[in-house]
Amino acid sequence: MSKEAKTRVASFIILIRDNQIFLVQRGNTGWRDGDWALPAGKVDEGESFHTAAVRELTEETGVIAQPEDVRFAIMQHRAPDDLPNATAWVDVYFVCEKWQGEPTNAEPHKHSDAGWFPLDDLPNNLIECHPGAIAAWQNDESYREFEWRKA
């Protein structure tokens, strides 16, 4: 008898302007500090993927986007890492190209920096699951898997 999957869900924002993407540098959390990441967060109980994305965009970058300006980009099923009690993740990526305000590091207790990067020159220490998801979105793919072993 197989065990029921334990899966968590996160929403990510691909914030785009002039062929550049806005990233936050993790800090002060004890997990992946110093690495760059897309603005993101866990989906709360009773919250849709889309609502979580709109909320996280404001919480992490300080900008306000209308819900209709935050569009689905790609879904990624990420395998659990090798840590004890690790779970798989469903990563739901959204893209936003229209907002109010100027993106900034709105959560300095979670991020040490934030800034714009050319889409064709992303930092080497970008969290591993992001480059493939960004590339898949650019290629109009709607689903990908990350680090699942082939059967």
N, C-alpha and C. Protein backbone atom coordinates (compact mmCIF):
# COMPACT_ATOMS: atom_id res chain seq x y z
N MET A 1 0.84 -1.17 0.00
CA MET A 1 0.00 0.00 0.00
C MET A 1 0.89 1.24 0.00
N SER A 2 0.63 2.16 -0.90
CA SER A 2 1.45 3.36 -0.99
C SER A 2 0.99 4.42 0.01
N LYS A 3 1.93 5.28 0.37
CA LYS A 3 1.62 6.35 1.32
C LYS A 3 1.06 7.55 0.57
N GLU A 4 0.17 8.27 1.23
CA GLU A 4 -0.38 9.50 0.65
C GLU A 4 0.71 10.55 0.56
N ALA A 5 0.74 11.25 -0.54
CA ALA A 5 1.76 12.29 -0.75
C ALA A 5 1.56 13.45 0.22
N LYS A 6 2.66 13.98 0.69
CA LYS A 6 2.63 15.19 1.51
C LYS A 6 3.19 16.31 0.63
N THR A 7 2.35 17.25 0.29
CA THR A 7 2.73 18.29 -0.64
C THR A 7 2.35 19.65 -0.09
N ARG A 8 3.24 20.62 -0.28
CA ARG A 8 2.98 22.01 0.11
C ARG A 8 2.88 22.84 -1.16
N VAL A 9 2.29 24.02 -1.04
CA VAL A 9 2.08 24.87 -2.21
C VAL A 9 2.66 26.26 -1.95
N ALA A 10 3.35 26.78 -2.97
CA ALA A 10 3.88 28.14 -2.91
C ALA A 10 3.53 28.86 -4.21
N SER A 11 3.30 30.16 -4.10
CA SER A 11 3.08 31.01 -5.26
C SER A 11 4.29 31.91 -5.45
N PHE A 12 4.73 32.04 -6.69
CA PHE A 12 5.90 32.84 -7.05
C PHE A 12 5.48 33.93 -8.04
N ILE A 13 6.18 35.05 -7.99
CA ILE A 13 5.89 36.17 -8.88
C ILE A 13 7.09 36.44 -9.78
N ILE A 14 6.84 36.43 -11.08
CA ILE A 14 7.83 36.86 -12.07
C ILE A 14 7.45 38.31 -12.39
N LEU A 15 8.12 39.24 -11.75
CA LEU A 15 7.87 40.67 -11.93
C LEU A 15 8.81 41.17 -13.03
N ILE A 16 8.24 41.60 -14.15
CA ILE A 16 9.01 41.92 -15.36
C ILE A 16 8.87 43.40 -15.72
N ARG A 17 10.02 44.01 -16.06
CA ARG A 17 10.03 45.37 -16.60
C ARG A 17 11.24 45.51 -17.52
N ASP A 18 11.01 45.96 -18.75
CA ASP A 18 12.10 46.20 -19.70
C ASP A 18 13.06 45.01 -19.82
N ASN A 19 12.49 43.81 -19.95
CA ASN A 19 13.26 42.58 -20.11
C ASN A 19 14.17 42.29 -18.90
N GLN A 20 13.77 42.82 -17.74
CA GLN A 20 14.47 42.52 -16.49
C GLN A 20 13.47 41.92 -15.51
N ILE A 21 14.02 41.16 -14.57
CA ILE A 21 13.20 40.48 -13.57
C ILE A 21 13.62 40.96 -12.19
N PHE A 22 12.65 41.13 -11.30
CA PHE A 22 12.93 41.60 -9.95
C PHE A 22 13.13 40.40 -9.03
N LEU A 23 14.24 40.40 -8.30
CA LEU A 23 14.58 39.31 -7.38
C LEU A 23 14.84 39.85 -5.99
N VAL A 24 14.66 38.99 -5.00
CA VAL A 24 15.01 39.31 -3.62
C VAL A 24 16.14 38.38 -3.18
N GLN A 25 17.02 38.89 -2.35
CA GLN A 25 18.11 38.07 -1.83
C GLN A 25 17.75 37.63 -0.42
N ARG A 26 17.67 36.33 -0.23
CA ARG A 26 17.27 35.80 1.07
C ARG A 26 18.28 36.17 2.15
N GLY A 27 17.79 36.43 3.33
CA GLY A 27 18.66 36.77 4.45
C GLY A 27 17.92 36.70 5.76
N ASN A 28 18.63 36.41 6.81
CA ASN A 28 18.08 36.43 8.17
C ASN A 28 17.05 35.35 8.44
N THR A 29 17.00 34.30 7.61
CA THR A 29 16.00 33.26 7.81
C THR A 29 16.59 31.91 8.20
N GLY A 30 17.89 31.73 7.91
CA GLY A 30 18.51 30.43 8.17
C GLY A 30 18.34 29.43 7.05
N TRP A 31 17.59 29.79 6.01
CA TRP A 31 17.42 28.91 4.84
C TRP A 31 17.80 29.66 3.58
N ARG A 32 18.86 29.22 2.95
CA ARG A 32 19.32 29.77 1.67
C ARG A 32 19.69 31.24 1.75
N ASP A 33 20.10 31.69 2.93
CA ASP A 33 20.52 33.09 3.07
C ASP A 33 21.65 33.39 2.08
N GLY A 34 21.55 34.53 1.41
CA GLY A 34 22.52 34.93 0.40
C GLY A 34 22.12 34.57 -1.01
N ASP A 35 21.20 33.64 -1.17
CA ASP A 35 20.74 33.25 -2.51
C ASP A 35 19.62 34.18 -2.98
N TRP A 36 19.57 34.37 -4.29
CA TRP A 36 18.52 35.19 -4.90
C TRP A 36 17.31 34.33 -5.21
N ALA A 37 16.13 34.95 -5.15
CA ALA A 37 14.89 34.22 -5.37
C ALA A 37 13.83 35.16 -5.95
N LEU A 38 12.83 34.57 -6.53
CA LEU A 38 11.66 35.33 -6.93
C LEU A 38 10.85 35.66 -5.68
N PRO A 39 10.15 36.78 -5.67
CA PRO A 39 9.21 37.02 -4.57
C PRO A 39 8.21 35.87 -4.52
N ALA A 40 7.94 35.37 -3.32
CA ALA A 40 7.12 34.17 -3.21
C ALA A 40 6.65 33.96 -1.79
N GLY A 41 5.78 32.99 -1.63
CA GLY A 41 5.38 32.60 -0.29
C GLY A 41 4.45 31.41 -0.32
N LYS A 42 4.28 30.82 0.83
CA LYS A 42 3.36 29.70 0.97
C LYS A 42 1.93 30.17 0.79
N VAL A 43 1.11 29.29 0.25
CA VAL A 43 -0.31 29.56 0.11
C VAL A 43 -0.96 29.24 1.45
N ASP A 44 -1.69 30.20 2.01
CA ASP A 44 -2.34 30.01 3.29
C ASP A 44 -3.61 29.16 3.14
N GLU A 45 -4.01 28.53 4.24
CA GLU A 45 -5.24 27.75 4.22
C GLU A 45 -6.41 28.64 3.81
N GLY A 46 -7.24 28.13 2.89
CA GLY A 46 -8.41 28.88 2.43
C GLY A 46 -8.09 29.94 1.40
N GLU A 47 -6.84 29.99 0.92
CA GLU A 47 -6.40 31.00 -0.03
C GLU A 47 -6.12 30.35 -1.38
N SER A 48 -6.49 31.02 -2.47
CA SER A 48 -6.18 30.50 -3.79
C SER A 48 -4.73 30.79 -4.14
N PHE A 49 -4.19 30.06 -5.11
CA PHE A 49 -2.83 30.31 -5.58
C PHE A 49 -2.69 31.76 -6.02
N HIS A 50 -3.67 32.24 -6.77
CA HIS A 50 -3.64 33.60 -7.32
C HIS A 50 -3.68 34.64 -6.22
N THR A 51 -4.57 34.47 -5.26
CA THR A 51 -4.67 35.41 -4.14
C THR A 51 -3.36 35.47 -3.36
N ALA A 52 -2.75 34.31 -3.16
CA ALA A 52 -1.46 34.26 -2.46
C ALA A 52 -0.40 35.03 -3.24
N ALA A 53 -0.39 34.89 -4.55
CA ALA A 53 0.60 35.59 -5.37
C ALA A 53 0.43 37.10 -5.27
N VAL A 54 -0.79 37.58 -5.37
CA VAL A 54 -1.06 39.02 -5.27
C VAL A 54 -0.64 39.54 -3.89
N ARG A 55 -0.97 38.79 -2.84
CA ARG A 55 -0.60 39.16 -1.47
C ARG A 55 0.91 39.20 -1.29
N GLU A 56 1.59 38.13 -1.73
CA GLU A 56 3.04 38.05 -1.56
C GLU A 56 3.77 39.13 -2.36
N LEU A 57 3.24 39.48 -3.52
CA LEU A 57 3.85 40.55 -4.31
C LEU A 57 3.92 41.84 -3.50
N THR A 58 2.82 42.19 -2.85
CA THR A 58 2.80 43.41 -2.03
C THR A 58 3.67 43.25 -0.79
N GLU A 59 3.55 42.12 -0.10
CA GLU A 59 4.32 41.92 1.13
C GLU A 59 5.82 41.98 0.89
N GLU A 60 6.31 41.36 -0.19
CA GLU A 60 7.75 41.25 -0.40
C GLU A 60 8.36 42.40 -1.18
N THR A 61 7.57 43.06 -2.04
CA THR A 61 8.15 44.11 -2.89
C THR A 61 7.56 45.50 -2.63
N GLY A 62 6.45 45.56 -1.91
CA GLY A 62 5.81 46.84 -1.62
C GLY A 62 4.94 47.39 -2.73
N VAL A 63 4.90 46.74 -3.89
CA VAL A 63 4.07 47.24 -4.98
C VAL A 63 2.66 46.69 -4.88
N ILE A 64 1.75 47.35 -5.54
CA ILE A 64 0.35 46.92 -5.58
C ILE A 64 -0.01 46.63 -7.03
N ALA A 65 -0.52 45.43 -7.25
CA ALA A 65 -0.98 45.04 -8.59
C ALA A 65 -2.45 44.69 -8.52
N GLN A 66 -3.17 45.04 -9.54
CA GLN A 66 -4.56 44.62 -9.65
C GLN A 66 -4.57 43.12 -9.94
N PRO A 67 -5.50 42.38 -9.36
CA PRO A 67 -5.52 40.92 -9.58
C PRO A 67 -5.51 40.52 -11.06
N GLU A 68 -6.19 41.29 -11.90
CA GLU A 68 -6.22 40.94 -13.33
C GLU A 68 -4.86 41.15 -14.02
N ASP A 69 -3.94 41.86 -13.38
CA ASP A 69 -2.61 42.08 -13.94
C ASP A 69 -1.59 41.03 -13.48
N VAL A 70 -2.03 40.10 -12.65
CA VAL A 70 -1.18 39.00 -12.19
C VAL A 70 -1.72 37.74 -12.86
N ARG A 71 -0.97 37.27 -13.88
CA ARG A 71 -1.44 36.19 -14.73
C ARG A 71 -0.65 34.90 -14.49
N PHE A 72 -1.35 33.78 -14.61
CA PHE A 72 -0.71 32.47 -14.47
C PHE A 72 0.41 32.34 -15.50
N ALA A 73 1.56 31.79 -15.06
CA ALA A 73 2.69 31.58 -15.96
C ALA A 73 2.98 30.09 -16.15
N ILE A 74 3.24 29.38 -15.06
CA ILE A 74 3.61 27.96 -15.16
C ILE A 74 3.45 27.30 -13.79
N MET A 75 3.18 26.00 -13.81
CA MET A 75 3.13 25.21 -12.57
C MET A 75 4.30 24.24 -12.59
N GLN A 76 4.95 24.11 -11.44
CA GLN A 76 6.11 23.23 -11.32
C GLN A 76 5.89 22.29 -10.14
N HIS A 77 6.13 21.01 -10.35
CA HIS A 77 6.06 20.03 -9.26
C HIS A 77 7.49 19.72 -8.85
N ARG A 78 7.84 20.14 -7.63
CA ARG A 78 9.22 20.04 -7.15
C ARG A 78 9.35 18.88 -6.18
N ALA A 79 10.32 18.01 -6.45
CA ALA A 79 10.56 16.85 -5.59
C ALA A 79 11.07 17.29 -4.22
N PRO A 80 10.81 16.48 -3.20
CA PRO A 80 11.34 16.81 -1.87
C PRO A 80 12.86 16.77 -1.88
N ASP A 81 13.46 17.61 -1.04
CA ASP A 81 14.92 17.55 -0.92
C ASP A 81 15.28 16.43 0.06
N ASP A 82 16.53 16.32 0.41
CA ASP A 82 16.99 15.21 1.24
C ASP A 82 16.93 15.50 2.74
N LEU A 83 16.29 16.58 3.13
CA LEU A 83 16.19 16.90 4.55
C LEU A 83 15.16 16.00 5.24
N PRO A 84 15.32 15.76 6.53
CA PRO A 84 14.32 14.96 7.25
C PRO A 84 12.94 15.63 7.16
N ASN A 85 11.92 14.82 7.00
CA ASN A 85 10.53 15.27 6.92
C ASN A 85 10.26 16.21 5.74
N ALA A 86 11.08 16.12 4.71
CA ALA A 86 10.88 16.98 3.54
C ALA A 86 9.62 16.59 2.78
N THR A 87 9.00 17.56 2.15
CA THR A 87 7.81 17.32 1.36
C THR A 87 8.03 17.83 -0.06
N ALA A 88 7.22 17.34 -0.95
CA ALA A 88 7.22 17.86 -2.32
C ALA A 88 6.49 19.20 -2.30
N TRP A 89 6.71 19.98 -3.35
CA TRP A 89 6.06 21.28 -3.47
C TRP A 89 5.38 21.40 -4.83
N VAL A 90 4.26 22.06 -4.84
CA VAL A 90 3.65 22.54 -6.07
C VAL A 90 3.93 24.03 -6.09
N ASP A 91 4.73 24.44 -7.08
CA ASP A 91 5.10 25.84 -7.24
C ASP A 91 4.25 26.43 -8.36
N VAL A 92 3.49 27.45 -8.04
CA VAL A 92 2.64 28.07 -9.04
C VAL A 92 3.21 29.47 -9.31
N TYR A 93 3.67 29.66 -10.54
CA TYR A 93 4.31 30.91 -10.94
C TYR A 93 3.30 31.80 -11.65
N PHE A 94 3.35 33.08 -11.31
CA PHE A 94 2.53 34.10 -11.96
C PHE A 94 3.45 35.18 -12.50
N VAL A 95 3.02 35.86 -13.54
CA VAL A 95 3.80 36.95 -14.11
C VAL A 95 3.01 38.24 -13.96
N CYS A 96 3.73 39.32 -13.68
CA CYS A 96 3.12 40.64 -13.52
C CYS A 96 4.00 41.66 -14.24
N GLU A 97 3.37 42.43 -15.13
CA GLU A 97 4.09 43.46 -15.87
C GLU A 97 3.50 44.86 -15.65
N LYS A 98 2.51 44.96 -14.77
CA LYS A 98 1.85 46.24 -14.50
C LYS A 98 1.52 46.31 -13.02
N TRP A 99 1.96 47.39 -12.36
CA TRP A 99 1.74 47.56 -10.92
C TRP A 99 1.88 49.03 -10.57
N GLN A 100 1.56 49.33 -9.32
CA GLN A 100 1.72 50.69 -8.78
C GLN A 100 2.84 50.68 -7.77
N GLY A 101 3.70 51.71 -7.83
CA GLY A 101 4.82 51.82 -6.90
C GLY A 101 6.10 51.30 -7.52
N GLU A 102 7.18 51.44 -6.76
CA GLU A 102 8.49 50.97 -7.20
C GLU A 102 8.91 49.78 -6.34
N PRO A 103 9.22 48.63 -6.95
CA PRO A 103 9.61 47.46 -6.17
C PRO A 103 10.84 47.75 -5.29
N THR A 104 10.79 47.22 -4.10
CA THR A 104 11.86 47.41 -3.13
C THR A 104 11.92 46.18 -2.22
N ASN A 105 12.86 46.14 -1.32
CA ASN A 105 12.93 45.09 -0.32
C ASN A 105 11.98 45.48 0.82
N ALA A 106 10.75 45.02 0.73
CA ALA A 106 9.73 45.39 1.71
C ALA A 106 9.76 44.49 2.94
N GLU A 107 10.59 43.46 2.94
CA GLU A 107 10.73 42.57 4.10
C GLU A 107 12.20 42.40 4.48
N PRO A 108 12.82 43.46 5.02
CA PRO A 108 14.25 43.36 5.33
C PRO A 108 14.56 42.33 6.42
N HIS A 109 13.55 41.89 7.16
CA HIS A 109 13.78 40.83 8.15
C HIS A 109 13.88 39.45 7.48
N LYS A 110 13.53 39.34 6.18
CA LYS A 110 13.63 38.09 5.43
C LYS A 110 14.58 38.17 4.24
N HIS A 111 14.89 39.40 3.81
CA HIS A 111 15.73 39.59 2.63
C HIS A 111 16.81 40.62 2.93
N SER A 112 18.02 40.35 2.45
CA SER A 112 19.12 41.28 2.67
C SER A 112 19.27 42.29 1.53
N ASP A 113 18.63 42.02 0.38
CA ASP A 113 18.75 42.91 -0.76
C ASP A 113 17.63 42.58 -1.75
N ALA A 114 17.47 43.43 -2.74
CA ALA A 114 16.50 43.21 -3.82
C ALA A 114 16.95 44.04 -5.01
N GLY A 115 16.59 43.59 -6.21
CA GLY A 115 16.96 44.37 -7.37
C GLY A 115 16.55 43.73 -8.68
N TRP A 116 16.83 44.46 -9.75
CA TRP A 116 16.48 44.06 -11.11
C TRP A 116 17.67 43.35 -11.77
N PHE A 117 17.37 42.30 -12.54
CA PHE A 117 18.39 41.54 -13.26
C PHE A 117 17.90 41.28 -14.69
N PRO A 118 18.80 41.39 -15.67
CA PRO A 118 18.40 41.04 -17.04
C PRO A 118 17.96 39.58 -17.12
N LEU A 119 16.90 39.32 -17.85
CA LEU A 119 16.42 37.94 -17.99
C LEU A 119 17.48 37.02 -18.57
N ASP A 120 18.38 37.55 -19.38
CA ASP A 120 19.42 36.72 -19.98
C ASP A 120 20.72 36.72 -19.19
N ASP A 121 20.70 37.26 -17.97
CA ASP A 121 21.91 37.28 -17.14
C ASP A 121 21.52 37.20 -15.67
N LEU A 122 20.89 36.09 -15.30
CA LEU A 122 20.43 35.89 -13.93
C LEU A 122 21.62 35.54 -13.03
N PRO A 123 21.55 35.87 -11.74
CA PRO A 123 22.68 35.58 -10.85
C PRO A 123 22.93 34.07 -10.72
N ASN A 124 24.20 33.73 -10.53
CA ASN A 124 24.58 32.32 -10.40
C ASN A 124 23.97 31.68 -9.16
N ASN A 125 23.73 32.47 -8.13
CA ASN A 125 23.17 31.91 -6.89
C ASN A 125 21.66 32.14 -6.81
N LEU A 126 21.00 32.04 -7.96
CA LEU A 126 19.54 32.04 -8.00
C LEU A 126 19.08 30.65 -7.58
N ILE A 127 18.10 30.56 -6.70
CA ILE A 127 17.62 29.26 -6.22
C ILE A 127 17.33 28.34 -7.41
N GLU A 128 17.80 27.10 -7.33
CA GLU A 128 17.88 26.18 -8.47
C GLU A 128 16.59 25.96 -9.24
N CYS A 129 15.47 25.96 -8.58
CA CYS A 129 14.22 25.64 -9.28
C CYS A 129 13.72 26.80 -10.14
N HIS A 130 14.26 28.00 -9.97
CA HIS A 130 13.74 29.15 -10.72
C HIS A 130 14.19 29.25 -12.17
N PRO A 131 15.47 29.06 -12.51
CA PRO A 131 15.86 29.26 -13.91
C PRO A 131 15.06 28.40 -14.89
N GLY A 132 14.86 27.14 -14.55
CA GLY A 132 14.10 26.25 -15.44
C GLY A 132 12.65 26.67 -15.57
N ALA A 133 12.06 27.12 -14.47
CA ALA A 133 10.67 27.57 -14.52
C ALA A 133 10.55 28.85 -15.35
N ILE A 134 11.50 29.75 -15.20
CA ILE A 134 11.49 30.99 -15.98
C ILE A 134 11.65 30.67 -17.46
N ALA A 135 12.59 29.77 -17.79
CA ALA A 135 12.80 29.38 -19.19
C ALA A 135 11.56 28.69 -19.76
N ALA A 136 10.94 27.82 -18.97
CA ALA A 136 9.73 27.14 -19.44
C ALA A 136 8.61 28.16 -19.70
N TRP A 137 8.46 29.13 -18.82
CA TRP A 137 7.47 30.19 -19.04
C TRP A 137 7.78 30.95 -20.34
N GLN A 138 9.04 31.28 -20.56
CA GLN A 138 9.42 31.99 -21.78
C GLN A 138 9.13 31.17 -23.03
N ASN A 139 9.12 29.84 -22.90
CA ASN A 139 8.84 28.94 -24.01
C ASN A 139 7.37 28.53 -24.08
N ASP A 140 6.52 29.24 -23.33
CA ASP A 140 5.07 28.99 -23.32
C ASP A 140 4.70 27.60 -22.82
N GLU A 141 5.52 27.01 -21.98
CA GLU A 141 5.17 25.74 -21.35
C GLU A 141 4.32 26.05 -20.12
N SER A 142 3.41 25.16 -19.78
CA SER A 142 2.54 25.43 -18.64
C SER A 142 2.83 24.53 -17.43
N TYR A 143 3.67 23.50 -17.62
CA TYR A 143 3.96 22.57 -16.52
C TYR A 143 5.37 22.02 -16.69
N ARG A 144 6.04 21.86 -15.55
CA ARG A 144 7.34 21.19 -15.55
C ARG A 144 7.55 20.49 -14.21
N GLU A 145 8.47 19.54 -14.20
CA GLU A 145 8.84 18.85 -12.98
C GLU A 145 10.29 19.16 -12.67
N PHE A 146 10.60 19.28 -11.39
CA PHE A 146 11.96 19.63 -10.96
C PHE A 146 12.49 18.57 -10.00
N GLU A 147 13.58 17.94 -10.41
CA GLU A 147 14.35 16.98 -9.62
C GLU A 147 13.61 15.70 -9.24
N TRP A 148 12.61 15.31 -10.02
CA TRP A 148 11.99 14.01 -9.82
C TRP A 148 12.83 12.97 -10.53
N ARG A 149 13.07 11.85 -9.88
CA ARG A 149 13.83 10.77 -10.51
C ARG A 149 12.93 10.06 -11.52
N LYS A 150 13.50 9.73 -12.65
CA LYS A 150 12.74 9.01 -13.68
C LYS A 150 12.56 7.56 -13.25
N ALA A 151 11.36 7.05 -13.47
CA ALA A 151 11.05 5.65 -13.10
C ALA A 151 11.67 4.68 -14.06
